[in-house]
């Protein structure tokens, strides 16, 4: 729903700035009613084309019985926040590991590495 775009187009068509409040109110009310009645065009196209997407909320039937240790390797390959390109390339070209997500860590003196991203 392209609220501002429609308002600008209508304003340019009429050329009358005094119609701006009426056009904005009309477009906003139309958007609210459209949102209340249906999903947006792109949301419907996801269903039509059978494209998977994540829902807005977590389903209640989702099981939280799994832990990270159940799905991760014991000694993961990690990258530092500032890493040599040669090491990154070497790891990415190595096909012996079966995962493609690599933890990025920061190490401070005397402390365990801290995860800052993947």
PDB file of N, CA and C in Angstrom:
ATOM      1  N   UNK A   1       0.852  -1.162   0.000  1.00  0.00           N
ATOM      2  CA  UNK A   1       0.000   0.000   0.000  1.00  0.00           C
ATOM      3  C   UNK A   1       0.898   1.225   0.000  1.00  0.00           C
ATOM      4  N   UNK A   2       0.774   2.009  -1.001  1.00  0.00           N
ATOM      5  CA  UNK A   2       1.680   3.137  -1.217  1.00  0.00           C
ATOM      6  C   UNK A   2       0.968   4.448  -0.920  1.00  0.00           C
ATOM      7  N   UNK A   3       0.775   4.712   0.333  1.00  0.00           N
ATOM      8  CA  UNK A   3      -0.012   5.849   0.785  1.00  0.00           C
ATOM      9  C   UNK A   3       0.537   7.185   0.311  1.00  0.00           C
ATOM     10  N   UNK A   4       1.781   7.449   0.594  1.00  0.00           N
ATOM     11  CA  UNK A   4       2.368   8.748   0.265  1.00  0.00           C
ATOM     12  C   UNK A   4       2.453   8.929  -1.248  1.00  0.00           C
ATOM     13  N   UNK A   5       2.804   7.876  -1.959  1.00  0.00           N
ATOM     14  CA  UNK A   5       2.934   7.967  -3.410  1.00  0.00           C
ATOM     15  C   UNK A   5       1.618   8.354  -4.055  1.00  0.00           C
ATOM     16  N   UNK A   6       0.536   7.734  -3.634  1.00  0.00           N
ATOM     17  CA  UNK A   6      -0.777   8.057  -4.207  1.00  0.00           C
ATOM     18  C   UNK A   6      -1.161   9.496  -3.894  1.00  0.00           C
ATOM     19  N   UNK A   7      -0.878   9.929  -2.671  1.00  0.00           N
ATOM     20  CA  UNK A   7      -1.205  11.307  -2.307  1.00  0.00           C
ATOM     21  C   UNK A   7      -0.426  12.296  -3.168  1.00  0.00           C
ATOM     22  N   UNK A   8       0.851  12.034  -3.402  1.00  0.00           N
ATOM     23  CA  UNK A   8       1.675  12.935  -4.228  1.00  0.00           C
ATOM     24  C   UNK A   8       1.182  12.942  -5.671  1.00  0.00           C
ATOM     25  N   UNK A   9       0.852  11.774  -6.205  1.00  0.00           N
ATOM     26  CA  UNK A   9       0.346  11.703  -7.585  1.00  0.00           C
ATOM     27  C   UNK A   9      -0.960  12.479  -7.720  1.00  0.00           C
ATOM     28  N   UNK A  10      -1.860  12.296  -6.763  1.00  0.00           N
ATOM     29  CA  UNK A  10      -3.135  13.024  -6.813  1.00  0.00           C
ATOM     30  C   UNK A  10      -2.909  14.530  -6.699  1.00  0.00           C
ATOM     31  N   UNK A  11      -1.961  14.935  -5.881  1.00  0.00           N
ATOM     32  CA  UNK A  11      -1.650  16.350  -5.722  1.00  0.00           C
ATOM     33  C   UNK A  11      -1.084  16.926  -7.017  1.00  0.00           C
ATOM     34  N   UNK A  12      -0.218  16.170  -7.689  1.00  0.00           N
ATOM     35  CA  UNK A  12       0.345  16.647  -8.950  1.00  0.00           C
ATOM     36  C   UNK A  12      -0.700  16.686 -10.058  1.00  0.00           C
ATOM     37  N   UNK A  13      -1.642  15.746 -10.030  1.00  0.00           N
ATOM     38  CA  UNK A  13      -2.700  15.745 -11.048  1.00  0.00           C
ATOM     39  C   UNK A  13      -3.591  16.972 -10.893  1.00  0.00           C
ATOM     40  N   UNK A  14      -3.988  17.251  -9.664  1.00  0.00           N
ATOM     41  CA  UNK A  14      -4.891  18.393  -9.447  1.00  0.00           C
ATOM     42  C   UNK A  14      -4.146  19.715  -9.479  1.00  0.00           C
ATOM     43  N   UNK A  15      -2.936  19.751  -8.989  1.00  0.00           N
ATOM     44  CA  UNK A  15      -2.165  20.988  -8.943  1.00  0.00           C
ATOM     45  C   UNK A  15      -2.653  21.963  -7.890  1.00  0.00           C
ATOM     46  N   UNK A  16      -3.521  21.516  -7.012  1.00  0.00           N
ATOM     47  CA  UNK A  16      -4.097  22.386  -5.976  1.00  0.00           C
ATOM     48  C   UNK A  16      -3.639  21.911  -4.599  1.00  0.00           C
ATOM     49  N   UNK A  17      -2.816  22.713  -3.939  1.00  0.00           N
ATOM     50  CA  UNK A  17      -2.324  22.340  -2.620  1.00  0.00           C
ATOM     51  C   UNK A  17      -3.418  22.401  -1.563  1.00  0.00           C
ATOM     52  N   UNK A  18      -4.471  23.093  -1.823  1.00  0.00           N
ATOM     53  CA  UNK A  18      -5.542  23.178  -0.828  1.00  0.00           C
ATOM     54  C   UNK A  18      -6.284  21.847  -0.695  1.00  0.00           C
ATOM     55  N   UNK A  19      -6.121  20.958  -1.683  1.00  0.00           N
ATOM     56  CA  UNK A  19      -6.746  19.637  -1.605  1.00  0.00           C
ATOM     57  C   UNK A  19      -5.895  18.633  -0.820  1.00  0.00           C
ATOM     58  N   UNK A  20      -4.681  19.030  -0.433  1.00  0.00           N
ATOM     59  CA  UNK A  20      -3.770  18.116   0.235  1.00  0.00           C
ATOM     60  C   UNK A  20      -4.361  17.473   1.492  1.00  0.00           C
ATOM     61  N   UNK A  21      -4.950  18.220   2.425  1.00  0.00           N
ATOM     62  CA  UNK A  21      -5.514  17.560   3.622  1.00  0.00           C
ATOM     63  C   UNK A  21      -6.602  16.543   3.277  1.00  0.00           C
ATOM     64  N   UNK A  22      -7.474  16.893   2.362  1.00  0.00           N
ATOM     65  CA  UNK A  22      -8.546  15.963   1.980  1.00  0.00           C
ATOM     66  C   UNK A  22      -7.981  14.708   1.311  1.00  0.00           C
ATOM     67  N   UNK A  23      -6.984  14.889   0.444  1.00  0.00           N
ATOM     68  CA  UNK A  23      -6.377  13.746  -0.234  1.00  0.00           C
ATOM     69  C   UNK A  23      -5.670  12.851   0.786  1.00  0.00           C
ATOM     70  N   UNK A  24      -4.916  13.436   1.710  1.00  0.00           N
ATOM     71  CA  UNK A  24      -4.196  12.649   2.717  1.00  0.00           C
ATOM     72  C   UNK A  24      -5.167  11.872   3.606  1.00  0.00           C
ATOM     73  N   UNK A  25      -6.223  12.519   4.053  1.00  0.00           N
ATOM     74  CA  UNK A  25      -7.205  11.833   4.897  1.00  0.00           C
ATOM     75  C   UNK A  25      -7.853  10.682   4.133  1.00  0.00           C
ATOM     76  N   UNK A  26      -8.217  10.919   2.891  1.00  0.00           N
ATOM     77  CA  UNK A  26      -8.853   9.881   2.076  1.00  0.00           C
ATOM     78  C   UNK A  26      -7.919   8.695   1.868  1.00  0.00           C
ATOM     79  N   UNK A  27      -6.679   8.972   1.536  1.00  0.00           N
ATOM     80  CA  UNK A  27      -5.718   7.899   1.284  1.00  0.00           C
ATOM     81  C   UNK A  27      -5.433   7.115   2.562  1.00  0.00           C
ATOM     82  N   UNK A  28      -5.289   7.785   3.694  1.00  0.00           N
ATOM     83  CA  UNK A  28      -5.012   7.100   4.956  1.00  0.00           C
ATOM     84  C   UNK A  28      -6.192   6.231   5.375  1.00  0.00           C
ATOM     85  N   UNK A  29      -7.409   6.761   5.251  1.00  0.00           N
ATOM     86  CA  UNK A  29      -8.598   5.967   5.595  1.00  0.00           C
ATOM     87  C   UNK A  29      -8.712   4.755   4.673  1.00  0.00           C
ATOM     88  N   UNK A  30      -8.445   4.941   3.385  1.00  0.00           N
ATOM     89  CA  UNK A  30      -8.495   3.824   2.447  1.00  0.00           C
ATOM     90  C   UNK A  30      -7.449   2.764   2.805  1.00  0.00           C
ATOM     91  N   UNK A  31      -6.264   3.197   3.236  1.00  0.00           N
ATOM     92  CA  UNK A  31      -5.223   2.243   3.635  1.00  0.00           C
ATOM     93  C   UNK A  31      -5.642   1.466   4.868  1.00  0.00           C
ATOM     94  N   UNK A  32      -6.196   2.150   5.862  1.00  0.00           N
ATOM     95  CA  UNK A  32      -6.635   1.465   7.074  1.00  0.00           C
ATOM     96  C   UNK A  32      -7.711   0.420   6.763  1.00  0.00           C
ATOM     97  N   UNK A  33      -8.656   0.785   5.927  1.00  0.00           N
ATOM     98  CA  UNK A  33      -9.725  -0.149   5.575  1.00  0.00           C
ATOM     99  C   UNK A  33      -9.151  -1.320   4.778  1.00  0.00           C
ATOM    100  N   UNK A  34      -8.229  -1.042   3.860  1.00  0.00           N
ATOM    101  CA  UNK A  34      -7.590  -2.114   3.106  1.00  0.00           C
ATOM    102  C   UNK A  34      -6.803  -3.058   3.989  1.00  0.00           C
ATOM    103  N   UNK A  35      -6.074  -2.531   4.971  1.00  0.00           N
ATOM    104  CA  UNK A  35      -5.325  -3.366   5.908  1.00  0.00           C
ATOM    105  C   UNK A  35      -6.264  -4.208   6.767  1.00  0.00           C
ATOM    106  N   UNK A  36      -7.405  -3.642   7.119  1.00  0.00           N
ATOM    107  CA  UNK A  36      -8.362  -4.342   7.959  1.00  0.00           C
ATOM    108  C   UNK A  36      -9.033  -5.487   7.198  1.00  0.00           C
ATOM    109  N   UNK A  37      -9.298  -5.288   5.910  1.00  0.00           N
ATOM    110  CA  UNK A  37     -10.025  -6.280   5.122  1.00  0.00           C
ATOM    111  C   UNK A  37      -9.130  -7.375   4.544  1.00  0.00           C
ATOM    112  N   UNK A  38      -7.945  -7.030   4.063  1.00  0.00           N
ATOM    113  CA  UNK A  38      -7.102  -8.013   3.361  1.00  0.00           C
ATOM    114  C   UNK A  38      -5.635  -7.811   3.697  1.00  0.00           C
ATOM    115  N   UNK A  39      -4.835  -8.773   3.251  1.00  0.00           N
ATOM    116  CA  UNK A  39      -3.379  -8.630   3.305  1.00  0.00           C
ATOM    117  C   UNK A  39      -2.947  -7.791   2.116  1.00  0.00           C
ATOM    118  N   UNK A  40      -1.705  -7.342   2.143  1.00  0.00           N
ATOM    119  CA  UNK A  40      -1.168  -6.588   1.023  1.00  0.00           C
ATOM    120  C   UNK A  40      -0.923  -7.479  -0.193  1.00  0.00           C
ATOM    121  N   UNK A  41      -0.681  -6.860  -1.325  1.00  0.00           N
ATOM    122  CA  UNK A  41      -0.462  -7.576  -2.576  1.00  0.00           C
ATOM    123  C   UNK A  41       0.733  -8.515  -2.477  1.00  0.00           C
ATOM    124  N   UNK A  42       1.848  -8.049  -1.936  1.00  0.00           N
ATOM    125  CA  UNK A  42       3.046  -8.879  -1.859  1.00  0.00           C
ATOM    126  C   UNK A  42       2.852 -10.071  -0.927  1.00  0.00           C
ATOM    127  N   UNK A  43       2.086  -9.880   0.144  1.00  0.00           N
ATOM    128  CA  UNK A  43       1.788 -10.977   1.046  1.00  0.00           C
ATOM    129  C   UNK A  43       0.982 -12.057   0.320  1.00  0.00           C
ATOM    130  N   UNK A  44       0.013 -11.645  -0.468  1.00  0.00           N
ATOM    131  CA  UNK A  44      -0.792 -12.605  -1.233  1.00  0.00           C
ATOM    132  C   UNK A  44       0.049 -13.306  -2.291  1.00  0.00           C
ATOM    133  N   UNK A  45       0.979 -12.596  -2.921  1.00  0.00           N
ATOM    134  CA  UNK A  45       1.836 -13.217  -3.927  1.00  0.00           C
ATOM    135  C   UNK A  45       2.740 -14.291  -3.319  1.00  0.00           C
ATOM    136  N   UNK A  46       3.134 -14.120  -2.048  1.00  0.00           N
ATOM    137  CA  UNK A  46       3.905 -15.158  -1.378  1.00  0.00           C
ATOM    138  C   UNK A  46       3.121 -16.462  -1.322  1.00  0.00           C
ATOM    139  N   UNK A  47       1.827 -16.368  -1.018  1.00  0.00           N
ATOM    140  CA  UNK A  47       0.986 -17.558  -0.973  1.00  0.00           C
ATOM    141  C   UNK A  47       0.791 -18.153  -2.359  1.00  0.00           C
ATOM    142  N   UNK A  48       0.538 -17.306  -3.345  1.00  0.00           N
ATOM    143  CA  UNK A  48       0.284 -17.782  -4.706  1.00  0.00           C
ATOM    144  C   UNK A  48       1.499 -18.513  -5.264  1.00  0.00           C
ATOM    145  N   UNK A  49       2.692 -17.970  -5.020  1.00  0.00           N
ATOM    146  CA  UNK A  49       3.915 -18.566  -5.561  1.00  0.00           C
ATOM    147  C   UNK A  49       4.528 -19.610  -4.625  1.00  0.00           C
ATOM    148  N   UNK A  50       3.859 -19.905  -3.508  1.00  0.00           N
ATOM    149  CA  UNK A  50       4.311 -20.898  -2.533  1.00  0.00           C
ATOM    150  C   UNK A  50       5.722 -20.598  -2.028  1.00  0.00           C
ATOM    151  N   UNK A  51       5.974 -19.343  -1.713  1.00  0.00           N
ATOM    152  CA  UNK A  51       7.269 -18.924  -1.178  1.00  0.00           C
ATOM    153  C   UNK A  51       7.184 -18.970   0.347  1.00  0.00           C
ATOM    154  N   UNK A  52       8.077 -19.716   1.010  1.00  0.00           N
ATOM    155  CA  UNK A  52       8.018 -19.791   2.468  1.00  0.00           C
ATOM    156  C   UNK A  52       8.431 -18.468   3.117  1.00  0.00           C
ATOM    157  N   UNK A  53       7.811 -18.152   4.219  1.00  0.00           N
ATOM    158  CA  UNK A  53       8.170 -16.948   4.968  1.00  0.00           C
ATOM    159  C   UNK A  53       7.866 -17.178   6.435  1.00  0.00           C
ATOM    160  N   UNK A  54       8.534 -16.411   7.301  1.00  0.00           N
ATOM    161  CA  UNK A  54       8.329 -16.531   8.734  1.00  0.00           C
ATOM    162  C   UNK A  54       7.113 -15.734   9.157  1.00  0.00           C
ATOM    163  N   UNK A  55       6.363 -16.280  10.073  1.00  0.00           N
ATOM    164  CA  UNK A  55       5.178 -15.594  10.582  1.00  0.00           C
ATOM    165  C   UNK A  55       5.591 -14.442  11.500  1.00  0.00           C
ATOM    166  N   UNK A  56       4.649 -13.539  11.768  1.00  0.00           N
ATOM    167  CA  UNK A  56       4.927 -12.402  12.641  1.00  0.00           C
ATOM    168  C   UNK A  56       5.153 -12.825  14.083  1.00  0.00           C
ATOM    169  N   UNK A  57       4.496 -13.899  14.510  1.00  0.00           N
ATOM    170  CA  UNK A  57       4.584 -14.344  15.895  1.00  0.00           C
ATOM    171  C   UNK A  57       5.063 -15.795  15.934  1.00  0.00           C
ATOM    172  N   UNK A  58       5.648 -16.184  17.050  1.00  0.00           N
ATOM    173  CA  UNK A  58       6.106 -17.557  17.230  1.00  0.00           C
ATOM    174  C   UNK A  58       4.890 -18.444  17.489  1.00  0.00           C
ATOM    175  N   UNK A  59       4.743 -19.558  16.767  1.00  0.00           N
ATOM    176  CA  UNK A  59       3.605 -20.446  17.015  1.00  0.00           C
ATOM    177  C   UNK A  59       3.657 -21.031  18.421  1.00  0.00           C
ATOM    178  N   UNK A  60       2.499 -21.230  19.038  1.00  0.00           N
ATOM    179  CA  UNK A  60       2.447 -21.751  20.402  1.00  0.00           C
ATOM    180  C   UNK A  60       2.866 -23.213  20.461  1.00  0.00           C
ATOM    181  N   UNK A  61       2.739 -23.927  19.363  1.00  0.00           N
ATOM    182  CA  UNK A  61       3.098 -25.333  19.351  1.00  0.00           C
ATOM    183  C   UNK A  61       4.598 -25.559  19.180  1.00  0.00           C
ATOM    184  N   UNK A  62       5.366 -24.493  19.072  1.00  0.00           N
ATOM    185  CA  UNK A  62       6.808 -24.603  18.885  1.00  0.00           C
ATOM    186  C   UNK A  62       7.443 -25.237  20.122  1.00  0.00           C
ATOM    187  N   UNK A  63       8.263 -26.234  19.890  1.00  0.00           N
ATOM    188  CA  UNK A  63       8.884 -26.956  20.995  1.00  0.00           C
ATOM    189  C   UNK A  63      10.215 -26.305  21.370  1.00  0.00           C
ATOM    190  N   UNK A  64      10.409 -26.090  22.652  1.00  0.00           N
ATOM    191  CA  UNK A  64      11.667 -25.542  23.141  1.00  0.00           C
ATOM    192  C   UNK A  64      12.450 -26.610  23.897  1.00  0.00           C
ATOM    193  N   UNK A  65      12.390 -27.855  23.420  1.00  0.00           N
ATOM    194  CA  UNK A  65      13.046 -28.961  24.099  1.00  0.00           C
ATOM    195  C   UNK A  65      14.454 -29.216  23.590  1.00  0.00           C
ATOM    196  N   UNK A  66      14.918 -28.427  22.637  1.00  0.00           N
ATOM    197  CA  UNK A  66      16.243 -28.633  22.076  1.00  0.00           C
ATOM    198  C   UNK A  66      17.201 -27.560  22.591  1.00  0.00           C
ATOM    199  N   UNK A  67      18.438 -27.950  22.729  1.00  0.00           N
ATOM    200  CA  UNK A  67      19.475 -27.047  23.175  1.00  0.00           C
ATOM    201  C   UNK A  67      20.483 -26.853  22.055  1.00  0.00           C
ATOM    202  N   UNK A  68      21.314 -25.825  22.160  1.00  0.00           N
ATOM    203  CA  UNK A  68      22.330 -25.565  21.141  1.00  0.00           C
ATOM    204  C   UNK A  68      23.290 -26.736  21.013  1.00  0.00           C
ATOM    205  N   UNK A  69      23.582 -27.389  22.119  1.00  0.00           N
ATOM    206  CA  UNK A  69      24.526 -28.516  22.064  1.00  0.00           C
ATOM    207  C   UNK A  69      23.995 -29.680  21.239  1.00  0.00           C
ATOM    208  N   UNK A  70      22.665 -29.741  21.030  1.00  0.00           N
ATOM    209  CA  UNK A  70      22.073 -30.815  20.237  1.00  0.00           C
ATOM    210  C   UNK A  70      22.299 -30.639  18.743  1.00  0.00           C
ATOM    211  N   UNK A  71      22.563 -29.425  18.300  1.00  0.00           N
ATOM    212  CA  UNK A  71      22.658 -29.171  16.867  1.00  0.00           C
ATOM    213  C   UNK A  71      23.993 -28.585  16.427  1.00  0.00           C
ATOM    214  N   UNK A  72      24.920 -28.388  17.340  1.00  0.00           N
ATOM    215  CA  UNK A  72      26.189 -27.761  16.957  1.00  0.00           C
ATOM    216  C   UNK A  72      27.348 -28.742  17.079  1.00  0.00           C
ATOM    217  N   UNK A  73      28.425 -28.435  16.405  1.00  0.00           N
ATOM    218  CA  UNK A  73      29.635 -29.243  16.504  1.00  0.00           C
ATOM    219  C   UNK A  73      30.384 -28.864  17.784  1.00  0.00           C
ATOM    220  N   UNK A  74      31.217 -29.783  18.242  1.00  0.00           N
ATOM    221  CA  UNK A  74      31.903 -29.550  19.521  1.00  0.00           C
ATOM    222  C   UNK A  74      32.921 -28.414  19.437  1.00  0.00           C
ATOM    223  N   UNK A  75      33.721 -28.373  18.385  1.00  0.00           N
ATOM    224  CA  UNK A  75      34.726 -27.319  18.220  1.00  0.00           C
ATOM    225  C   UNK A  75      34.446 -26.553  16.923  1.00  0.00           C
ATOM    226  N   UNK A  76      33.596 -25.552  16.971  1.00  0.00           N
ATOM    227  CA  UNK A  76      33.239 -24.840  15.736  1.00  0.00           C
ATOM    228  C   UNK A  76      34.399 -23.995  15.201  1.00  0.00           C
ATOM    229  N   UNK A  77      34.401 -23.794  13.899  1.00  0.00           N
ATOM    230  CA  UNK A  77      35.369 -22.898  13.270  1.00  0.00           C
ATOM    231  C   UNK A  77      34.862 -21.480  13.495  1.00  0.00           C
ATOM    232  N   UNK A  78      35.692 -20.633  14.087  1.00  0.00           N
ATOM    233  CA  UNK A  78      35.272 -19.263  14.369  1.00  0.00           C
ATOM    234  C   UNK A  78      36.173 -18.274  13.643  1.00  0.00           C
ATOM    235  N   UNK A  79      35.637 -17.088  13.459  1.00  0.00           N
ATOM    236  CA  UNK A  79      36.411 -15.982  12.896  1.00  0.00           C
ATOM    237  C   UNK A  79      36.490 -14.884  13.933  1.00  0.00           C
ATOM    238  N   UNK A  80      37.608 -14.156  13.933  1.00  0.00           N
ATOM    239  CA  UNK A  80      37.705 -12.960  14.766  1.00  0.00           C
ATOM    240  C   UNK A  80      36.974 -11.827  14.064  1.00  0.00           C
ATOM    241  N   UNK A  81      36.686 -10.778  14.787  1.00  0.00           N
ATOM    242  CA  UNK A  81      35.995  -9.631  14.195  1.00  0.00           C
ATOM    243  C   UNK A  81      36.806  -9.037  13.050  1.00  0.00           C
ATOM    244  N   UNK A  82      38.128  -9.022  13.195  1.00  0.00           N
ATOM    245  CA  UNK A  82      39.026  -8.590  12.123  1.00  0.00           C
ATOM    246  C   UNK A  82      39.860  -9.803  11.745  1.00  0.00           C
ATOM    247  N   UNK A  83      39.566 -10.359  10.582  1.00  0.00           N
ATOM    248  CA  UNK A  83      40.199 -11.611  10.163  1.00  0.00           C
ATOM    249  C   UNK A  83      40.918 -11.425   8.839  1.00  0.00           C
ATOM    250  N   UNK A  84      41.989 -12.198   8.636  1.00  0.00           N
ATOM    251  CA  UNK A  84      42.711 -12.177   7.365  1.00  0.00           C
ATOM    252  C   UNK A  84      41.836 -12.783   6.274  1.00  0.00           C
ATOM    253  N   UNK A  85      41.838 -12.157   5.116  1.00  0.00           N
ATOM    254  CA  UNK A  85      41.047 -12.648   3.994  1.00  0.00           C
ATOM    255  C   UNK A  85      41.503 -14.045   3.601  1.00  0.00           C
ATOM    256  N   UNK A  86      42.791 -14.326   3.702  1.00  0.00           N
ATOM    257  CA  UNK A  86      43.306 -15.641   3.322  1.00  0.00           C
ATOM    258  C   UNK A  86      42.714 -16.747   4.196  1.00  0.00           C
ATOM    259  N   UNK A  87      42.549 -16.486   5.508  1.00  0.00           N
ATOM    260  CA  UNK A  87      41.951 -17.497   6.390  1.00  0.00           C
ATOM    261  C   UNK A  87      40.485 -17.704   6.047  1.00  0.00           C
ATOM    262  N   UNK A  88      39.758 -16.627   5.827  1.00  0.00           N
ATOM    263  CA  UNK A  88      38.342 -16.741   5.484  1.00  0.00           C
ATOM    264  C   UNK A  88      38.184 -17.535   4.192  1.00  0.00           C
ATOM    265  N   UNK A  89      38.995 -17.210   3.212  1.00  0.00           N
ATOM    266  CA  UNK A  89      38.915 -17.911   1.922  1.00  0.00           C
ATOM    267  C   UNK A  89      39.266 -19.393   2.093  1.00  0.00           C
ATOM    268  N   UNK A  90      40.303 -19.685   2.871  1.00  0.00           N
ATOM    269  CA  UNK A  90      40.721 -21.068   3.100  1.00  0.00           C
ATOM    270  C   UNK A  90      39.590 -21.869   3.754  1.00  0.00           C
ATOM    271  N   UNK A  91      38.932 -21.287   4.754  1.00  0.00           N
ATOM    272  CA  UNK A  91      37.846 -21.986   5.450  1.00  0.00           C
ATOM    273  C   UNK A  91      36.651 -22.185   4.517  1.00  0.00           C
ATOM    274  N   UNK A  92      36.306 -21.172   3.747  1.00  0.00           N
ATOM    275  CA  UNK A  92      35.158 -21.285   2.854  1.00  0.00           C
ATOM    276  C   UNK A  92      35.396 -22.274   1.722  1.00  0.00           C
ATOM    277  N   UNK A  93      36.630 -22.408   1.276  1.00  0.00           N
ATOM    278  CA  UNK A  93      36.944 -23.348   0.200  1.00  0.00           C
ATOM    279  C   UNK A  93      37.082 -24.781   0.703  1.00  0.00           C
ATOM    280  N   UNK A  94      37.296 -24.967   2.000  1.00  0.00           N
ATOM    281  CA  UNK A  94      37.434 -26.299   2.589  1.00  0.00           C
ATOM    282  C   UNK A  94      36.056 -26.954   2.679  1.00  0.00           C
ATOM    283  N   UNK A  95      35.886 -28.077   2.025  1.00  0.00           N
ATOM    284  CA  UNK A  95      34.576 -28.749   1.983  1.00  0.00           C
ATOM    285  C   UNK A  95      34.450 -29.844   3.035  1.00  0.00           C
ATOM    286  N   UNK A  96      35.443 -29.993   3.923  1.00  0.00           N
ATOM    287  CA  UNK A  96      35.392 -31.074   4.909  1.00  0.00           C
ATOM    288  C   UNK A  96      34.373 -30.813   6.018  1.00  0.00           C
ATOM    289  N   UNK A  97      34.055 -29.555   6.285  1.00  0.00           N
ATOM    290  CA  UNK A  97      33.041 -29.272   7.311  1.00  0.00           C
ATOM    291  C   UNK A  97      31.666 -29.217   6.645  1.00  0.00           C
ATOM    292  N   UNK A  98      30.647 -29.515   7.448  1.00  0.00           N
ATOM    293  CA  UNK A  98      29.301 -29.642   6.890  1.00  0.00           C
ATOM    294  C   UNK A  98      28.384 -28.501   7.300  1.00  0.00           C
ATOM    295  N   UNK A  99      28.920 -27.376   7.643  1.00  0.00           N
ATOM    296  CA  UNK A  99      28.086 -26.239   8.019  1.00  0.00           C
ATOM    297  C   UNK A  99      28.556 -25.004   7.252  1.00  0.00           C
ATOM    298  N   UNK A 100      27.717 -23.965   7.275  1.00  0.00           N
ATOM    299  CA  UNK A 100      28.075 -22.743   6.554  1.00  0.00           C
ATOM    300  C   UNK A 100      27.847 -21.494   7.404  1.00  0.00           C
ATOM    301  N   UNK A 101      27.692 -21.667   8.692  1.00  0.00           N
ATOM    302  CA  UNK A 101      27.569 -20.527   9.597  1.00  0.00           C
ATOM    303  C   UNK A 101      28.759 -20.523  10.532  1.00  0.00           C
ATOM    304  N   UNK A 102      29.496 -19.440  10.534  1.00  0.00           N
ATOM    305  CA  UNK A 102      30.717 -19.376  11.324  1.00  0.00           C
ATOM    306  C   UNK A 102      30.596 -18.270  12.358  1.00  0.00           C
ATOM    307  N   UNK A 103      30.704 -18.604  13.655  1.00  0.00           N
ATOM    308  CA  UNK A 103      30.620 -17.582  14.692  1.00  0.00           C
ATOM    309  C   UNK A 103      31.744 -16.556  14.572  1.00  0.00           C
ATOM    310  N   UNK A 104      31.410 -15.296  14.774  1.00  0.00           N
ATOM    311  CA  UNK A 104      32.405 -14.220  14.796  1.00  0.00           C
ATOM    312  C   UNK A 104      32.573 -13.812  16.257  1.00  0.00           C
ATOM    313  N   UNK A 105      33.806 -13.818  16.718  1.00  0.00           N
ATOM    314  CA  UNK A 105      34.055 -13.567  18.135  1.00  0.00           C
ATOM    315  C   UNK A 105      35.045 -12.425  18.349  1.00  0.00           C
ATOM    316  N   UNK A 106      35.007 -11.901  19.550  1.00  0.00           N
ATOM    317  CA  UNK A 106      35.973 -10.900  20.003  1.00  0.00           C
ATOM    318  C   UNK A 106      36.625 -11.473  21.258  1.00  0.00           C
ATOM    319  N   UNK A 107      37.948 -11.434  21.302  1.00  0.00           N
ATOM    320  CA  UNK A 107      38.663 -11.957  22.468  1.00  0.00           C
ATOM    321  C   UNK A 107      39.342 -10.814  23.201  1.00  0.00           C
ATOM    322  N   UNK A 108      39.027 -10.706  24.485  1.00  0.00           N
ATOM    323  CA  UNK A 108      39.709  -9.736  25.328  1.00  0.00           C
ATOM    324  C   UNK A 108      40.691 -10.489  26.203  1.00  0.00           C
ATOM    325  N   UNK A 109      41.749  -9.831  26.595  1.00  0.00           N
ATOM    326  CA  UNK A 109      42.814 -10.477  27.359  1.00  0.00           C
ATOM    327  C   UNK A 109      42.281 -11.118  28.629  1.00  0.00           C
ATOM    328  N   UNK A 110      42.594 -12.400  28.794  1.00  0.00           N
ATOM    329  CA  UNK A 110      42.221 -13.103  30.017  1.00  0.00           C
ATOM    330  C   UNK A 110      40.763 -13.512  30.101  1.00  0.00           C
ATOM    331  N   UNK A 111      39.999 -13.376  29.040  1.00  0.00           N
ATOM    332  CA  UNK A 111      38.580 -13.729  29.072  1.00  0.00           C
ATOM    333  C   UNK A 111      38.253 -14.691  27.929  1.00  0.00           C
ATOM    334  N   UNK A 112      37.132 -15.359  28.076  1.00  0.00           N
ATOM    335  CA  UNK A 112      36.639 -16.254  27.023  1.00  0.00           C
ATOM    336  C   UNK A 112      36.233 -15.412  25.810  1.00  0.00           C
ATOM    337  N   UNK A 113      36.307 -15.994  24.598  1.00  0.00           N
ATOM    338  CA  UNK A 113      35.830 -15.266  23.418  1.00  0.00           C
ATOM    339  C   UNK A 113      34.338 -14.951  23.536  1.00  0.00           C
ATOM    340  N   UNK A 114      33.941 -13.772  23.075  1.00  0.00           N
ATOM    341  CA  UNK A 114      32.550 -13.351  23.146  1.00  0.00           C
ATOM    342  C   UNK A 114      31.960 -13.314  21.735  1.00  0.00           C
ATOM    343  N   UNK A 115      30.815 -13.951  21.561  1.00  0.00           N
ATOM    344  CA  UNK A 115      30.139 -14.003  20.269  1.00  0.00           C
ATOM    345  C   UNK A 115      29.549 -12.636  19.934  1.00  0.00           C
ATOM    346  N   UNK A 116      29.846 -12.147  18.705  1.00  0.00           N
ATOM    347  CA  UNK A 116      29.286 -10.863  18.277  1.00  0.00           C
ATOM    348  C   UNK A 116      28.456 -11.000  17.003  1.00  0.00           C
ATOM    349  N   UNK A 117      28.439 -12.186  16.418  1.00  0.00           N
ATOM    350  CA  UNK A 117      27.657 -12.372  15.204  1.00  0.00           C
ATOM    351  C   UNK A 117      27.966 -13.707  14.559  1.00  0.00           C
ATOM    352  N   UNK A 118      27.312 -13.940  13.408  1.00  0.00           N
ATOM    353  CA  UNK A 118      27.532 -15.173  12.638  1.00  0.00           C
ATOM    354  C   UNK A 118      27.889 -14.790  11.226  1.00  0.00           C
TER     355      UNK A 118
END
